[in-house]
Amino acid sequence: MNIDSGKYPQIVHVHTGINVHNQPERVFSLTGIDVHDGPEYAGTTIRVDQCDYEAGKRSNSLMKLKVFDDDEFEILGFLPGSGNWSGTAKTARINLNDGTEGIATMTGNHEYLKSIWENPAPLIGKMATVKYFGFTAYNQLRHPTLQTIHHTEWL
């Protein structure tokens, strides 16, 4: 299949026959792209083995590569959920380590997030691990989710 790379500049042609099994760093070096590039991060598509193009359907011969970052951030507070999540802490306000404030979506069930909303004080100032897809053009985390709150003996 011949693809006009001028029409689709986001397509990167990689030499075939290069084995990258269990070598993710080779994928990055072969593509030569920033895995966080683009306004709406979508990841990189990799063709598995020597499989042919399959038009008009989902293919088991393609894999999506998305690279997650994670880091520790101080919890500054919480924002309330809405709709079914009303009465819960659905979003955490975090310090982005450069003095600016960001947000991260909370993970957990309704009961857990309700307990945080009703008693947030023990968690303010605690560190949390947040998973995200790099930074936006506005220096905010892209699609951040709070994974772990450290030192949560009270829960």
C-alpha atoms as a PDB file:
ATOM      1  CA  MET A   1       0.000   0.000   0.000  1.00  0.00           C
ATOM      2  CA  ASN A   2       1.444   3.363  -1.014  1.00  0.00           C
ATOM      3  CA  ILE A   3       0.607   6.183   1.387  1.00  0.00           C
ATOM      4  CA  ASP A   4       1.153   9.840   0.473  1.00  0.00           C
ATOM      5  CA  SER A   5       3.166  11.060   3.479  1.00  0.00           C
ATOM      6  CA  GLY A   6       2.414  14.666   2.493  1.00  0.00           C
ATOM      7  CA  LYS A   7      -1.283  14.027   3.034  1.00  0.00           C
ATOM      8  CA  TYR A   8      -0.661  12.063   6.251  1.00  0.00           C
ATOM      9  CA  PRO A   9       2.471  13.598   7.852  1.00  0.00           C
ATOM     10  CA  GLN A  10       1.830  11.764  11.129  1.00  0.00           C
ATOM     11  CA  ILE A  11       2.564   8.411   9.470  1.00  0.00           C
ATOM     12  CA  VAL A  12       6.125   7.251  10.066  1.00  0.00           C
ATOM     13  CA  HIS A  13       7.551   4.590   7.767  1.00  0.00           C
ATOM     14  CA  VAL A  14       9.803   2.105   9.562  1.00  0.00           C
ATOM     15  CA  HIS A  15      11.925  -0.515   7.846  1.00  0.00           C
ATOM     16  CA  THR A  16      10.295  -3.942   7.920  1.00  0.00           C
ATOM     17  CA  GLY A  17      11.985  -6.991   9.311  1.00  0.00           C
ATOM     18  CA  ILE A  18      13.437  -5.262  12.375  1.00  0.00           C
ATOM     19  CA  ASN A  19      12.696  -7.275  15.500  1.00  0.00           C
ATOM     20  CA  VAL A  20      11.765  -5.071  18.449  1.00  0.00           C
ATOM     21  CA  HIS A  21      10.432  -7.857  20.674  1.00  0.00           C
ATOM     22  CA  ASN A  22      10.848  -6.839  24.362  1.00  0.00           C
ATOM     23  CA  GLN A  23      12.847  -3.778  23.274  1.00  0.00           C
ATOM     24  CA  PRO A  24      10.580  -0.729  23.668  1.00  0.00           C
ATOM     25  CA  GLU A  25      13.521   1.669  23.439  1.00  0.00           C
ATOM     26  CA  ARG A  26      14.137   0.441  19.865  1.00  0.00           C
ATOM     27  CA  VAL A  27      10.570   1.373  18.917  1.00  0.00           C
ATOM     28  CA  PHE A  28      11.222   4.968  19.976  1.00  0.00           C
ATOM     29  CA  SER A  29      14.573   5.156  18.203  1.00  0.00           C
ATOM     30  CA  LEU A  30      13.196   3.624  14.979  1.00  0.00           C
ATOM     31  CA  THR A  31      10.184   5.916  14.770  1.00  0.00           C
ATOM     32  CA  GLY A  32      12.150   9.040  15.627  1.00  0.00           C
ATOM     33  CA  ILE A  33       9.041  10.685  17.060  1.00  0.00           C
ATOM     34  CA  ASP A  34       8.113  12.117  20.407  1.00  0.00           C
ATOM     35  CA  VAL A  35       5.597   9.665  21.851  1.00  0.00           C
ATOM     36  CA  HIS A  36       3.766  12.624  23.436  1.00  0.00           C
ATOM     37  CA  ASP A  37       3.610  14.620  20.202  1.00  0.00           C
ATOM     38  CA  GLY A  38       0.365  16.148  18.971  1.00  0.00           C
ATOM     39  CA  PRO A  39      -2.485  18.152  20.473  1.00  0.00           C
ATOM     40  CA  GLU A  40      -4.555  15.071  21.342  1.00  0.00           C
ATOM     41  CA  TYR A  41      -2.084  12.355  22.263  1.00  0.00           C
ATOM     42  CA  ALA A  42      -3.073   9.160  20.476  1.00  0.00           C
ATOM     43  CA  GLY A  43       0.061   7.032  20.740  1.00  0.00           C
ATOM     44  CA  THR A  44       1.917   5.097  18.066  1.00  0.00           C
ATOM     45  CA  THR A  45       0.628   2.160  16.024  1.00  0.00           C
ATOM     46  CA  ILE A  46       2.901  -0.833  15.483  1.00  0.00           C
ATOM     47  CA  ARG A  47       2.295  -3.627  12.980  1.00  0.00           C
ATOM     48  CA  VAL A  48       2.840  -7.068  14.479  1.00  0.00           C
ATOM     49  CA  ASP A  49       5.256  -9.385  12.684  1.00  0.00           C
ATOM     50  CA  GLN A  50       4.838  -9.534   8.885  1.00  0.00           C
ATOM     51  CA  CYS A  51       1.040  -9.218   8.848  1.00  0.00           C
ATOM     52  CA  ASP A  52      -0.652  -7.643   5.840  1.00  0.00           C
ATOM     53  CA  TYR A  53      -2.944  -4.611   5.883  1.00  0.00           C
ATOM     54  CA  GLU A  54      -6.577  -5.569   6.608  1.00  0.00           C
ATOM     55  CA  ALA A  55      -8.985  -3.009   5.172  1.00  0.00           C
ATOM     56  CA  GLY A  56     -12.265  -2.089   6.805  1.00  0.00           C
ATOM     57  CA  LYS A  57     -11.979  -3.951  10.100  1.00  0.00           C
ATOM     58  CA  ARG A  58     -10.156  -4.079  13.409  1.00  0.00           C
ATOM     59  CA  SER A  59      -6.948  -5.962  13.050  1.00  0.00           C
ATOM     60  CA  ASN A  60      -5.144  -8.247  15.465  1.00  0.00           C
ATOM     61  CA  SER A  61      -1.967  -7.443  13.544  1.00  0.00           C
ATOM     62  CA  LEU A  62      -1.738  -3.910  14.973  1.00  0.00           C
ATOM     63  CA  MET A  63      -0.768  -2.758  18.457  1.00  0.00           C
ATOM     64  CA  LYS A  64      -1.201   0.682  19.983  1.00  0.00           C
ATOM     65  CA  LEU A  65       1.759   1.979  21.973  1.00  0.00           C
ATOM     66  CA  LYS A  66       1.002   4.609  24.614  1.00  0.00           C
ATOM     67  CA  VAL A  67       3.718   5.700  26.971  1.00  0.00           C
ATOM     68  CA  PHE A  68       2.585   6.716  30.436  1.00  0.00           C
ATOM     69  CA  ASP A  69       4.575   8.921  32.759  1.00  0.00           C
ATOM     70  CA  ASP A  70       4.093   8.933  36.497  1.00  0.00           C
ATOM     71  CA  ASP A  71       5.381  11.204  39.200  1.00  0.00           C
ATOM     72  CA  GLU A  72       4.750  12.220  42.786  1.00  0.00           C
ATOM     73  CA  PHE A  73       2.742  15.384  43.475  1.00  0.00           C
ATOM     74  CA  GLU A  74       1.566  17.087  46.655  1.00  0.00           C
ATOM     75  CA  ILE A  75      -2.200  17.070  47.242  1.00  0.00           C
ATOM     76  CA  LEU A  76      -3.563  20.600  47.716  1.00  0.00           C
ATOM     77  CA  GLY A  77      -7.252  19.742  47.983  1.00  0.00           C
ATOM     78  CA  PHE A  78     -10.186  18.119  46.232  1.00  0.00           C
ATOM     79  CA  LEU A  79     -12.994  19.134  43.885  1.00  0.00           C
ATOM     80  CA  PRO A  80     -16.470  17.610  44.062  1.00  0.00           C
ATOM     81  CA  GLY A  81     -17.829  15.103  41.611  1.00  0.00           C
ATOM     82  CA  SER A  82     -21.074  15.663  39.726  1.00  0.00           C
ATOM     83  CA  GLY A  83     -24.001  13.508  38.638  1.00  0.00           C
ATOM     84  CA  ASN A  84     -23.583   9.974  39.970  1.00  0.00           C
ATOM     85  CA  TRP A  85     -20.339  11.107  41.642  1.00  0.00           C
ATOM     86  CA  SER A  86     -22.005  13.932  43.579  1.00  0.00           C
ATOM     87  CA  GLY A  87     -20.833  13.974  47.198  1.00  0.00           C
ATOM     88  CA  THR A  88     -17.448  12.456  46.358  1.00  0.00           C
ATOM     89  CA  ALA A  89     -13.914  13.747  45.779  1.00  0.00           C
ATOM     90  CA  LYS A  90     -13.663  13.050  42.046  1.00  0.00           C
ATOM     91  CA  THR A  91     -10.752  15.410  41.272  1.00  0.00           C
ATOM     92  CA  ALA A  92      -7.597  16.189  43.244  1.00  0.00           C
ATOM     93  CA  ARG A  93      -5.886  19.568  43.133  1.00  0.00           C
ATOM     94  CA  ILE A  94      -2.125  18.962  42.997  1.00  0.00           C
ATOM     95  CA  ASN A  95       1.095  20.967  43.073  1.00  0.00           C
ATOM     96  CA  LEU A  96       2.910  20.354  39.775  1.00  0.00           C
ATOM     97  CA  ASN A  97       6.315  20.699  41.456  1.00  0.00           C
ATOM     98  CA  ASP A  98       6.987  24.009  39.693  1.00  0.00           C
ATOM     99  CA  GLY A  99       4.646  25.976  41.947  1.00  0.00           C
ATOM    100  CA  THR A 100       1.674  25.830  39.571  1.00  0.00           C
ATOM    101  CA  GLU A 101      -1.526  23.990  40.348  1.00  0.00           C
ATOM    102  CA  GLY A 102      -2.934  21.122  38.316  1.00  0.00           C
ATOM    103  CA  ILE A 103      -5.677  18.545  38.661  1.00  0.00           C
ATOM    104  CA  ALA A 104      -5.880  14.757  38.500  1.00  0.00           C
ATOM    105  CA  THR A 105      -8.941  12.530  38.245  1.00  0.00           C
ATOM    106  CA  MET A 106      -9.376  10.353  41.314  1.00  0.00           C
ATOM    107  CA  THR A 107      -9.660   6.585  40.980  1.00  0.00           C
ATOM    108  CA  GLY A 108     -11.615   4.396  43.347  1.00  0.00           C
ATOM    109  CA  ASN A 109     -15.157   3.362  44.137  1.00  0.00           C
ATOM    110  CA  HIS A 110     -17.969   5.632  45.311  1.00  0.00           C
ATOM    111  CA  GLU A 111     -17.586   4.705  48.997  1.00  0.00           C
ATOM    112  CA  TYR A 112     -13.842   5.434  49.005  1.00  0.00           C
ATOM    113  CA  LEU A 113     -14.184   8.792  47.208  1.00  0.00           C
ATOM    114  CA  LYS A 114     -17.096   9.780  49.463  1.00  0.00           C
ATOM    115  CA  SER A 115     -14.949   9.127  52.550  1.00  0.00           C
ATOM    116  CA  ILE A 116     -12.247  11.404  51.152  1.00  0.00           C
ATOM    117  CA  TRP A 117     -14.792  14.156  50.376  1.00  0.00           C
ATOM    118  CA  GLU A 118     -16.227  13.969  53.898  1.00  0.00           C
ATOM    119  CA  ASN A 119     -12.789  14.021  55.590  1.00  0.00           C
ATOM    120  CA  PRO A 120     -10.122  15.532  53.279  1.00  0.00           C
ATOM    121  CA  ALA A 121      -7.897  17.124  55.969  1.00  0.00           C
ATOM    122  CA  PRO A 122      -5.644  14.089  56.659  1.00  0.00           C
ATOM    123  CA  LEU A 123      -4.706  13.938  52.950  1.00  0.00           C
ATOM    124  CA  ILE A 124      -3.920  17.615  52.346  1.00  0.00           C
ATOM    125  CA  GLY A 125      -0.148  17.933  51.983  1.00  0.00           C
ATOM    126  CA  LYS A 126       0.336  14.193  51.361  1.00  0.00           C
ATOM    127  CA  MET A 127       2.127  12.955  48.268  1.00  0.00           C
ATOM    128  CA  ALA A 128       0.305  11.039  45.545  1.00  0.00           C
ATOM    129  CA  THR A 129       1.404   9.098  42.486  1.00  0.00           C
ATOM    130  CA  VAL A 130      -0.237  10.444  39.316  1.00  0.00           C
ATOM    131  CA  LYS A 131      -0.173   8.699  35.918  1.00  0.00           C
ATOM    132  CA  TYR A 132      -0.307  10.976  32.845  1.00  0.00           C
ATOM    133  CA  PHE A 133       0.638  11.284  29.150  1.00  0.00           C
ATOM    134  CA  GLY A 134       3.207  14.082  29.256  1.00  0.00           C
ATOM    135  CA  PHE A 135       2.323  17.766  29.311  1.00  0.00           C
ATOM    136  CA  THR A 136      -0.028  19.955  27.282  1.00  0.00           C
ATOM    137  CA  ALA A 137       1.052  23.155  25.526  1.00  0.00           C
ATOM    138  CA  TYR A 138      -0.185  24.962  28.670  1.00  0.00           C
ATOM    139  CA  ASN A 139       2.211  22.980  30.918  1.00  0.00           C
ATOM    140  CA  GLN A 140      -0.607  20.946  32.476  1.00  0.00           C
ATOM    141  CA  LEU A 141      -0.623  17.164  32.815  1.00  0.00           C
ATOM    142  CA  ARG A 142      -2.334  15.398  29.906  1.00  0.00           C
ATOM    143  CA  HIS A 143      -5.085  12.976  31.051  1.00  0.00           C
ATOM    144  CA  PRO A 144      -3.849  12.667  34.649  1.00  0.00           C
ATOM    145  CA  THR A 145      -5.249  10.033  37.005  1.00  0.00           C
ATOM    146  CA  LEU A 146      -4.329   9.796  40.660  1.00  0.00           C
ATOM    147  CA  GLN A 147      -3.180   6.229  41.307  1.00  0.00           C
ATOM    148  CA  THR A 148      -1.984   6.128  44.911  1.00  0.00           C
ATOM    149  CA  ILE A 149      -2.128   8.393  47.948  1.00  0.00           C
ATOM    150  CA  HIS A 150       0.870   7.791  50.210  1.00  0.00           C
ATOM    151  CA  HIS A 151       0.461   7.308  53.977  1.00  0.00           C
ATOM    152  CA  THR A 152      -3.282   6.692  54.072  1.00  0.00           C
ATOM    153  CA  GLU A 153      -3.495   4.671  57.291  1.00  0.00           C
ATOM    154  CA  TRP A 154      -6.723   6.458  58.285  1.00  0.00           C
ATOM    155  CA  LEU A 155      -8.791   4.911  55.454  1.00  0.00           C
END
